Amino acid sequence: MKEKYLTVKDASSLTTLSPSTIYSYVHYKVIPYAKIGARIVFEENRLRQWLKSKEKKMVKRD
């Protein structure tokens, strides 16, 4: 299957983070990304996995 790559704008929409936060996360290597020339791109599947890893587990209260 061919991997889909997202732009910063697309990644912002998917994560609901602002583009400036995305750039900050890239700068500090918090978020998985790749550089193609001067462009920053995100593999959609890896970005979704990263998001899932950031989910907090809900604790069931009785």
C-alpha atoms as a PDB file:
ATOM      1  CA  MET A   1       0.000   0.000   0.000  1.00  0.00           C
ATOM      2  CA  LYS A   2       1.296   3.446  -0.887  1.00  0.00           C
ATOM      3  CA  GLU A   3       1.943   5.673   2.119  1.00  0.00           C
ATOM      4  CA  LYS A   4       0.096   8.982   2.248  1.00  0.00           C
ATOM      5  CA  TYR A   5       2.149  12.029   3.220  1.00  0.00           C
ATOM      6  CA  LEU A   6       0.631  15.065   4.885  1.00  0.00           C
ATOM      7  CA  THR A   7       1.673  18.707   4.820  1.00  0.00           C
ATOM      8  CA  VAL A   8       1.936  20.801   7.969  1.00  0.00           C
ATOM      9  CA  LYS A   9      -1.556  22.146   7.231  1.00  0.00           C
ATOM     10  CA  ASP A  10      -2.939  18.599   6.849  1.00  0.00           C
ATOM     11  CA  ALA A  11      -1.170  17.444  10.025  1.00  0.00           C
ATOM     12  CA  SER A  12      -2.606  20.449  11.840  1.00  0.00           C
ATOM     13  CA  SER A  13      -6.130  19.482  10.780  1.00  0.00           C
ATOM     14  CA  LEU A  14      -5.642  15.835  11.717  1.00  0.00           C
ATOM     15  CA  THR A  15      -4.184  16.572  15.153  1.00  0.00           C
ATOM     16  CA  THR A  16      -6.161  19.768  15.892  1.00  0.00           C
ATOM     17  CA  LEU A  17      -2.852  21.409  16.777  1.00  0.00           C
ATOM     18  CA  SER A  18      -2.014  24.800  15.313  1.00  0.00           C
ATOM     19  CA  PRO A  19       0.572  24.946  12.518  1.00  0.00           C
ATOM     20  CA  SER A  20       2.908  26.855  14.843  1.00  0.00           C
ATOM     21  CA  THR A  21       2.643  24.067  17.426  1.00  0.00           C
ATOM     22  CA  ILE A  22       3.367  21.495  14.696  1.00  0.00           C
ATOM     23  CA  TYR A  23       6.496  23.449  13.699  1.00  0.00           C
ATOM     24  CA  SER A  24       7.541  23.664  17.350  1.00  0.00           C
ATOM     25  CA  TYR A  25       7.075  19.900  17.795  1.00  0.00           C
ATOM     26  CA  VAL A  26       9.162  19.324  14.667  1.00  0.00           C
ATOM     27  CA  HIS A  27      11.894  21.621  15.975  1.00  0.00           C
ATOM     28  CA  TYR A  28      12.055  19.749  19.289  1.00  0.00           C
ATOM     29  CA  LYS A  29      11.597  16.340  17.574  1.00  0.00           C
ATOM     30  CA  VAL A  30       8.426  15.598  19.538  1.00  0.00           C
ATOM     31  CA  ILE A  31       6.397  14.496  16.511  1.00  0.00           C
ATOM     32  CA  PRO A  32       7.406  11.997  13.784  1.00  0.00           C
ATOM     33  CA  TYR A  33       8.215  13.791  10.511  1.00  0.00           C
ATOM     34  CA  ALA A  34      10.408  13.639   7.427  1.00  0.00           C
ATOM     35  CA  LYS A  35      12.087  16.303   5.347  1.00  0.00           C
ATOM     36  CA  ILE A  36      11.957  16.121   1.589  1.00  0.00           C
ATOM     37  CA  GLY A  37      14.222  18.894   0.429  1.00  0.00           C
ATOM     38  CA  ALA A  38      13.053  21.883   2.433  1.00  0.00           C
ATOM     39  CA  ARG A  39       9.525  20.478   2.925  1.00  0.00           C
ATOM     40  CA  ILE A  40       8.361  18.942   6.171  1.00  0.00           C
ATOM     41  CA  VAL A  41       5.958  16.038   5.685  1.00  0.00           C
ATOM     42  CA  PHE A  42       4.259  13.511   7.918  1.00  0.00           C
ATOM     43  CA  GLU A  43       3.414   9.880   7.157  1.00  0.00           C
ATOM     44  CA  GLU A  44      -0.287   9.681   7.922  1.00  0.00           C
ATOM     45  CA  ASN A  45      -0.105   6.242   9.587  1.00  0.00           C
ATOM     46  CA  ARG A  46       2.849   7.194  11.799  1.00  0.00           C
ATOM     47  CA  LEU A  47       1.137  10.434  12.791  1.00  0.00           C
ATOM     48  CA  ARG A  48      -2.034   8.534  13.717  1.00  0.00           C
ATOM     49  CA  GLN A  49       0.053   6.056  15.771  1.00  0.00           C
ATOM     50  CA  TRP A  50       1.773   8.969  17.523  1.00  0.00           C
ATOM     51  CA  LEU A  51      -1.618  10.507  18.351  1.00  0.00           C
ATOM     52  CA  LYS A  52      -2.894   7.189  19.670  1.00  0.00           C
ATOM     53  CA  SER A  53       0.186   6.842  21.897  1.00  0.00           C
ATOM     54  CA  LYS A  54      -0.617  10.249  23.421  1.00  0.00           C
ATOM     55  CA  GLU A  55      -4.164   9.284  24.423  1.00  0.00           C
ATOM     56  CA  LYS A  56      -4.698   9.088  28.141  1.00  0.00           C
ATOM     57  CA  LYS A  57      -6.200   5.890  29.366  1.00  0.00           C
ATOM     58  CA  MET A  58      -9.635   6.424  30.854  1.00  0.00           C
ATOM     59  CA  VAL A  59     -10.071   5.080  34.330  1.00  0.00           C
ATOM     60  CA  LYS A  60     -13.419   3.534  35.104  1.00  0.00           C
ATOM     61  CA  ARG A  61     -14.848   4.740  38.400  1.00  0.00           C
ATOM     62  CA  ASP A  62     -17.450   2.726  40.251  1.00  0.00           C
END
